[in-house]
C-alpha atoms as a PDB file:
ATOM      1  CA  UNK A   1      15.804  -3.456  -3.998  1.00  0.00           C
ATOM      2  CA  UNK A   2      16.058  -6.012  -1.302  1.00  0.00           C
ATOM      3  CA  UNK A   3      13.391  -8.644  -1.601  1.00  0.00           C
ATOM      4  CA  UNK A   4      12.385  -8.591   2.065  1.00  0.00           C
ATOM      5  CA  UNK A   5       8.713  -9.233   2.605  1.00  0.00           C
ATOM      6  CA  UNK A   6       6.409  -7.573   5.075  1.00  0.00           C
ATOM      7  CA  UNK A   7       2.867  -6.183   5.201  1.00  0.00           C
ATOM      8  CA  UNK A   8       1.559  -2.629   5.009  1.00  0.00           C
ATOM      9  CA  UNK A   9      -2.037  -1.942   6.027  1.00  0.00           C
ATOM     10  CA  UNK A  10      -3.415   1.260   4.523  1.00  0.00           C
ATOM     11  CA  UNK A  11      -6.566   2.225   6.436  1.00  0.00           C
ATOM     12  CA  UNK A  12      -8.071   5.099   8.480  1.00  0.00           C
ATOM     13  CA  UNK A  13      -7.538   6.268  12.055  1.00  0.00           C
ATOM     14  CA  UNK A  14     -10.259   7.039  14.603  1.00  0.00           C
ATOM     15  CA  UNK A  15     -10.621  10.588  13.187  1.00  0.00           C
ATOM     16  CA  UNK A  16     -11.186   9.196   9.666  1.00  0.00           C
ATOM     17  CA  UNK A  17      -7.817  10.336   8.306  1.00  0.00           C
ATOM     18  CA  UNK A  18      -5.705   7.980   6.200  1.00  0.00           C
ATOM     19  CA  UNK A  19      -3.073   6.123   8.211  1.00  0.00           C
ATOM     20  CA  UNK A  20      -0.928   3.025   7.801  1.00  0.00           C
ATOM     21  CA  UNK A  21       0.473   0.208   9.910  1.00  0.00           C
ATOM     22  CA  UNK A  22       3.381  -2.095   9.097  1.00  0.00           C
ATOM     23  CA  UNK A  23       4.863  -5.434  10.086  1.00  0.00           C
ATOM     24  CA  UNK A  24       8.519  -6.425  10.105  1.00  0.00           C
ATOM     25  CA  UNK A  25       8.083 -10.193  10.034  1.00  0.00           C
ATOM     26  CA  UNK A  26       9.025 -12.166   6.945  1.00  0.00           C
ATOM     27  CA  UNK A  27       6.484 -14.844   5.934  1.00  0.00           C
ATOM     28  CA  UNK A  28       7.793 -18.381   5.445  1.00  0.00           C
ATOM     29  CA  UNK A  29       8.111 -19.436   1.800  1.00  0.00           C
ATOM     30  CA  UNK A  30       5.337 -21.795   0.819  1.00  0.00           C
ATOM     31  CA  UNK A  31       3.338 -21.224   4.004  1.00  0.00           C
ATOM     32  CA  UNK A  32      -0.381 -20.520   3.812  1.00  0.00           C
ATOM     33  CA  UNK A  33      -0.299 -18.649   7.157  1.00  0.00           C
ATOM     34  CA  UNK A  34       1.364 -15.387   8.147  1.00  0.00           C
ATOM     35  CA  UNK A  35       1.263 -13.872  11.645  1.00  0.00           C
ATOM     36  CA  UNK A  36       3.023 -10.649  12.629  1.00  0.00           C
ATOM     37  CA  UNK A  37       3.166  -7.852  15.181  1.00  0.00           C
ATOM     38  CA  UNK A  38       1.549  -4.659  13.864  1.00  0.00           C
ATOM     39  CA  UNK A  39       3.371  -1.338  14.289  1.00  0.00           C
ATOM     40  CA  UNK A  40       2.322   2.306  13.935  1.00  0.00           C
ATOM     41  CA  UNK A  41       5.112   4.369  12.423  1.00  0.00           C
ATOM     42  CA  UNK A  42       5.602   8.019  13.374  1.00  0.00           C
ATOM     43  CA  UNK A  43       8.300  10.535  12.541  1.00  0.00           C
ATOM     44  CA  UNK A  44      10.260  13.210  14.367  1.00  0.00           C
ATOM     45  CA  UNK A  45      11.268  14.866  11.056  1.00  0.00           C
ATOM     46  CA  UNK A  46      14.630  13.086  11.185  1.00  0.00           C
ATOM     47  CA  UNK A  47      13.773   9.404  11.529  1.00  0.00           C
ATOM     48  CA  UNK A  48      10.819   7.105  11.927  1.00  0.00           C
ATOM     49  CA  UNK A  49       9.941   5.247  15.105  1.00  0.00           C
ATOM     50  CA  UNK A  50       7.680   2.237  15.649  1.00  0.00           C
ATOM     51  CA  UNK A  51       5.119   1.489  18.364  1.00  0.00           C
ATOM     52  CA  UNK A  52       3.379  -1.887  18.758  1.00  0.00           C
ATOM     53  CA  UNK A  53      -0.390  -1.445  18.283  1.00  0.00           C
ATOM     54  CA  UNK A  54      -1.603  -4.981  17.559  1.00  0.00           C
ATOM     55  CA  UNK A  55      -1.210  -8.045  15.392  1.00  0.00           C
ATOM     56  CA  UNK A  56      -2.282  -9.359  11.970  1.00  0.00           C
ATOM     57  CA  UNK A  57      -2.818 -12.877  10.671  1.00  0.00           C
ATOM     58  CA  UNK A  58      -3.231 -13.733   7.008  1.00  0.00           C
ATOM     59  CA  UNK A  59      -4.452 -17.227   6.103  1.00  0.00           C
ATOM     60  CA  UNK A  60      -4.762 -18.516   2.562  1.00  0.00           C
ATOM     61  CA  UNK A  61      -8.103 -20.303   2.318  1.00  0.00           C
ATOM     62  CA  UNK A  62      -7.758 -21.336  -1.332  1.00  0.00           C
ATOM     63  CA  UNK A  63      -6.394 -19.935  -4.587  1.00  0.00           C
ATOM     64  CA  UNK A  64      -7.482 -16.273  -4.894  1.00  0.00           C
ATOM     65  CA  UNK A  65      -9.057 -16.171  -1.385  1.00  0.00           C
ATOM     66  CA  UNK A  66      -7.607 -15.362   2.024  1.00  0.00           C
ATOM     67  CA  UNK A  67      -8.669 -14.313   5.511  1.00  0.00           C
ATOM     68  CA  UNK A  68      -7.214 -11.210   7.143  1.00  0.00           C
ATOM     69  CA  UNK A  69      -7.564 -11.229  10.946  1.00  0.00           C
ATOM     70  CA  UNK A  70      -6.434  -8.292  13.047  1.00  0.00           C
ATOM     71  CA  UNK A  71      -6.066  -6.982  16.559  1.00  0.00           C
ATOM     72  CA  UNK A  72      -5.621  -3.194  16.757  1.00  0.00           C
ATOM     73  CA  UNK A  73      -5.747  -0.832  19.728  1.00  0.00           C
ATOM     74  CA  UNK A  74      -7.597  -3.404  21.840  1.00  0.00           C
ATOM     75  CA  UNK A  75     -10.155  -4.240  19.127  1.00  0.00           C
ATOM     76  CA  UNK A  76     -10.235  -7.277  16.840  1.00  0.00           C
ATOM     77  CA  UNK A  77     -11.937  -8.714  13.771  1.00  0.00           C
ATOM     78  CA  UNK A  78     -11.483 -10.632  10.535  1.00  0.00           C
ATOM     79  CA  UNK A  79     -12.415 -10.267   6.871  1.00  0.00           C
ATOM     80  CA  UNK A  80     -12.312 -12.461   3.771  1.00  0.00           C
ATOM     81  CA  UNK A  81     -10.576 -11.119   0.647  1.00  0.00           C
ATOM     82  CA  UNK A  82     -10.406 -11.955  -3.057  1.00  0.00           C
ATOM     83  CA  UNK A  83      -8.779  -9.962  -5.886  1.00  0.00           C
ATOM     84  CA  UNK A  84     -10.998  -7.212  -7.281  1.00  0.00           C
ATOM     85  CA  UNK A  85      -9.310  -7.208 -10.697  1.00  0.00           C
ATOM     86  CA  UNK A  86      -6.927  -9.229 -12.808  1.00  0.00           C
ATOM     87  CA  UNK A  87      -4.123 -10.885 -10.924  1.00  0.00           C
ATOM     88  CA  UNK A  88      -1.846 -11.622 -13.861  1.00  0.00           C
ATOM     89  CA  UNK A  89       1.292  -9.676 -14.627  1.00  0.00           C
ATOM     90  CA  UNK A  90       1.257  -7.031 -17.370  1.00  0.00           C
ATOM     91  CA  UNK A  91       3.528  -6.913 -20.411  1.00  0.00           C
ATOM     92  CA  UNK A  92       5.476  -3.646 -20.507  1.00  0.00           C
ATOM     93  CA  UNK A  93       7.153  -3.192 -23.940  1.00  0.00           C
ATOM     94  CA  UNK A  94       9.958  -1.102 -22.413  1.00  0.00           C
ATOM     95  CA  UNK A  95      10.775  -4.048 -20.118  1.00  0.00           C
ATOM     96  CA  UNK A  96      10.640  -6.834 -22.721  1.00  0.00           C
ATOM     97  CA  UNK A  97       8.082  -9.255 -24.147  1.00  0.00           C
ATOM     98  CA  UNK A  98       7.452 -11.342 -21.034  1.00  0.00           C
ATOM     99  CA  UNK A  99       4.859 -10.472 -18.374  1.00  0.00           C
ATOM    100  CA  UNK A 100       6.517  -8.650 -15.469  1.00  0.00           C
ATOM    101  CA  UNK A 101       5.339  -8.643 -11.818  1.00  0.00           C
ATOM    102  CA  UNK A 102       5.168  -4.991 -10.843  1.00  0.00           C
ATOM    103  CA  UNK A 103       4.709  -4.800  -7.112  1.00  0.00           C
ATOM    104  CA  UNK A 104       7.087  -2.883  -4.932  1.00  0.00           C
ATOM    105  CA  UNK A 105       7.580  -0.765  -1.873  1.00  0.00           C
ATOM    106  CA  UNK A 106      10.239   1.934  -1.692  1.00  0.00           C
ATOM    107  CA  UNK A 107      11.387   4.180   1.124  1.00  0.00           C
ATOM    108  CA  UNK A 108      14.428   6.196   2.103  1.00  0.00           C
ATOM    109  CA  UNK A 109      16.114   4.521   5.095  1.00  0.00           C
ATOM    110  CA  UNK A 110      18.084   7.690   5.862  1.00  0.00           C
ATOM    111  CA  UNK A 111      15.138  10.065   6.203  1.00  0.00           C
ATOM    112  CA  UNK A 112      11.602  10.145   7.521  1.00  0.00           C
ATOM    113  CA  UNK A 113      10.169  11.268   4.170  1.00  0.00           C
ATOM    114  CA  UNK A 114       7.981   8.193   3.655  1.00  0.00           C
ATOM    115  CA  UNK A 115       7.898   6.314   0.371  1.00  0.00           C
ATOM    116  CA  UNK A 116       5.694   4.628  -2.215  1.00  0.00           C
ATOM    117  CA  UNK A 117       3.896   1.325  -2.770  1.00  0.00           C
ATOM    118  CA  UNK A 118       3.284   0.327  -6.402  1.00  0.00           C
ATOM    119  CA  UNK A 119       0.938  -2.335  -7.770  1.00  0.00           C
ATOM    120  CA  UNK A 120       0.390  -2.990 -11.474  1.00  0.00           C
ATOM    121  CA  UNK A 121      -1.563  -5.976 -12.787  1.00  0.00           C
ATOM    122  CA  UNK A 122      -2.867  -6.617 -16.284  1.00  0.00           C
ATOM    123  CA  UNK A 123      -5.910  -4.410 -15.541  1.00  0.00           C
ATOM    124  CA  UNK A 124      -4.987  -2.145 -12.602  1.00  0.00           C
ATOM    125  CA  UNK A 125      -2.329   0.390 -11.692  1.00  0.00           C
ATOM    126  CA  UNK A 126      -2.109   2.043  -8.286  1.00  0.00           C
ATOM    127  CA  UNK A 127       0.542   4.133  -6.532  1.00  0.00           C
ATOM    128  CA  UNK A 128       0.219   4.812  -2.806  1.00  0.00           C
ATOM    129  CA  UNK A 129       2.417   7.626  -1.528  1.00  0.00           C
ATOM    130  CA  UNK A 130       2.853   7.341   2.213  1.00  0.00           C
ATOM    131  CA  UNK A 131       4.287  10.195   4.242  1.00  0.00           C
ATOM    132  CA  UNK A 132       4.182  11.949   7.611  1.00  0.00           C
ATOM    133  CA  UNK A 133       2.034  15.060   8.067  1.00  0.00           C
ATOM    134  CA  UNK A 134       2.918  18.242   9.978  1.00  0.00           C
ATOM    135  CA  UNK A 135       2.064  16.486  13.270  1.00  0.00           C
ATOM    136  CA  UNK A 136       4.422  13.586  12.242  1.00  0.00           C
ATOM    137  CA  UNK A 137       1.479  11.188  11.928  1.00  0.00           C
ATOM    138  CA  UNK A 138       1.460   8.534   9.181  1.00  0.00           C
ATOM    139  CA  UNK A 139      -0.691   9.419   6.153  1.00  0.00           C
ATOM    140  CA  UNK A 140      -1.217   8.242   2.544  1.00  0.00           C
ATOM    141  CA  UNK A 141      -2.663   9.333  -0.799  1.00  0.00           C
ATOM    142  CA  UNK A 142      -3.621   7.112  -3.764  1.00  0.00           C
ATOM    143  CA  UNK A 143      -3.080   7.601  -7.502  1.00  0.00           C
ATOM    144  CA  UNK A 144      -5.088   5.263  -9.732  1.00  0.00           C
ATOM    145  CA  UNK A 145      -7.452   7.260 -11.968  1.00  0.00           C
ATOM    146  CA  UNK A 146      -5.945   7.404 -15.434  1.00  0.00           C
ATOM    147  CA  UNK A 147      -5.753  10.698 -17.326  1.00  0.00           C
ATOM    148  CA  UNK A 148      -4.382  11.348 -20.840  1.00  0.00           C
ATOM    149  CA  UNK A 149      -0.563  10.983 -20.692  1.00  0.00           C
ATOM    150  CA  UNK A 150       1.781  13.883 -21.501  1.00  0.00           C
ATOM    151  CA  UNK A 151       4.887  11.729 -22.163  1.00  0.00           C
ATOM    152  CA  UNK A 152       5.273   8.887 -24.688  1.00  0.00           C
ATOM    153  CA  UNK A 153       4.333   5.558 -23.097  1.00  0.00           C
ATOM    154  CA  UNK A 154       3.427   7.335 -19.885  1.00  0.00           C
ATOM    155  CA  UNK A 155       0.520   6.903 -17.540  1.00  0.00           C
ATOM    156  CA  UNK A 156      -0.877   9.985 -15.801  1.00  0.00           C
ATOM    157  CA  UNK A 157      -3.148   9.644 -12.761  1.00  0.00           C
ATOM    158  CA  UNK A 158      -5.086  11.798 -10.325  1.00  0.00           C
ATOM    159  CA  UNK A 159      -3.758  11.761  -6.755  1.00  0.00           C
ATOM    160  CA  UNK A 160      -6.602  11.357  -4.263  1.00  0.00           C
ATOM    161  CA  UNK A 161      -6.692  12.176  -0.537  1.00  0.00           C
ATOM    162  CA  UNK A 162      -9.294  10.026   1.251  1.00  0.00           C
ATOM    163  CA  UNK A 163     -11.383  10.227   4.424  1.00  0.00           C
ATOM    164  CA  UNK A 164     -13.080   7.122   5.813  1.00  0.00           C
ATOM    165  CA  UNK A 165     -13.653   5.129   8.995  1.00  0.00           C
ATOM    166  CA  UNK A 166     -11.328   3.076  11.158  1.00  0.00           C
ATOM    167  CA  UNK A 167     -11.761  -0.699  11.079  1.00  0.00           C
ATOM    168  CA  UNK A 168     -13.530  -0.763  14.461  1.00  0.00           C
ATOM    169  CA  UNK A 169     -15.432   2.557  14.125  1.00  0.00           C
ATOM    170  CA  UNK A 170     -18.965   3.187  12.882  1.00  0.00           C
ATOM    171  CA  UNK A 171     -19.103   3.051   9.094  1.00  0.00           C
ATOM    172  CA  UNK A 172     -19.304   6.381   7.232  1.00  0.00           C
ATOM    173  CA  UNK A 173     -19.204   7.233   3.541  1.00  0.00           C
ATOM    174  CA  UNK A 174     -15.645   7.191   2.195  1.00  0.00           C
ATOM    175  CA  UNK A 175     -14.834  10.461   0.418  1.00  0.00           C
ATOM    176  CA  UNK A 176     -11.879  11.752  -1.552  1.00  0.00           C
ATOM    177  CA  UNK A 177     -10.477  14.978  -2.963  1.00  0.00           C
ATOM    178  CA  UNK A 178      -8.142  15.381  -5.909  1.00  0.00           C
ATOM    179  CA  UNK A 179      -4.893  16.861  -4.549  1.00  0.00           C
ATOM    180  CA  UNK A 180      -2.582  16.525  -7.551  1.00  0.00           C
ATOM    181  CA  UNK A 181      -1.389  14.355 -10.425  1.00  0.00           C
ATOM    182  CA  UNK A 182       1.282  11.708 -10.870  1.00  0.00           C
ATOM    183  CA  UNK A 183       2.789  10.582 -14.153  1.00  0.00           C
ATOM    184  CA  UNK A 184       5.105   7.655 -14.725  1.00  0.00           C
ATOM    185  CA  UNK A 185       7.021   6.356 -17.692  1.00  0.00           C
ATOM    186  CA  UNK A 186       8.980   3.097 -17.884  1.00  0.00           C
ATOM    187  CA  UNK A 187      12.417   3.843 -19.344  1.00  0.00           C
ATOM    188  CA  UNK A 188      14.060   0.441 -18.888  1.00  0.00           C
ATOM    189  CA  UNK A 189      13.997  -2.470 -16.435  1.00  0.00           C
ATOM    190  CA  UNK A 190      15.543  -0.410 -13.631  1.00  0.00           C
ATOM    191  CA  UNK A 191      14.159   3.093 -14.272  1.00  0.00           C
ATOM    192  CA  UNK A 192      10.628   4.391 -13.832  1.00  0.00           C
END
């Protein structure tokens, strides 16, 4: 629940392992510009802590196009982005006949267990599970490859663990390994 807005940047660290950074600044409604301090979250197995590592700026250039500028660990750069798939909301029969925006971010505020980011459009579904590894470093895995469902109305996906390159490191081939499966089923408007 909530409705607070913020940014999560899922990327890779200098060793090529998946990591994430977050902001805690709420963008202004109707603004085409967003600027925020960038934090690295870590865990001590009981609670998360934040360390400032840089800054991000997001600028809407036009409909369906924006610029993402960043400063991270003393490095900086910018990239242009556009949607890679449909950007309209899907219709989920279990939730009614109207298209429903399915984008969310959940976490447990009482533990350092991590959480999940969900994005479903009319042509894409992705679940990112973020967590802290045995060294309490931030990590993530992605589920988006559809498999045959095992429950009525469900969607079953492979869970992939990636290796890549940090935004300011030399580019390498991004690889992934299947590390599990995830299956979801919409029960009603408040239960997945």
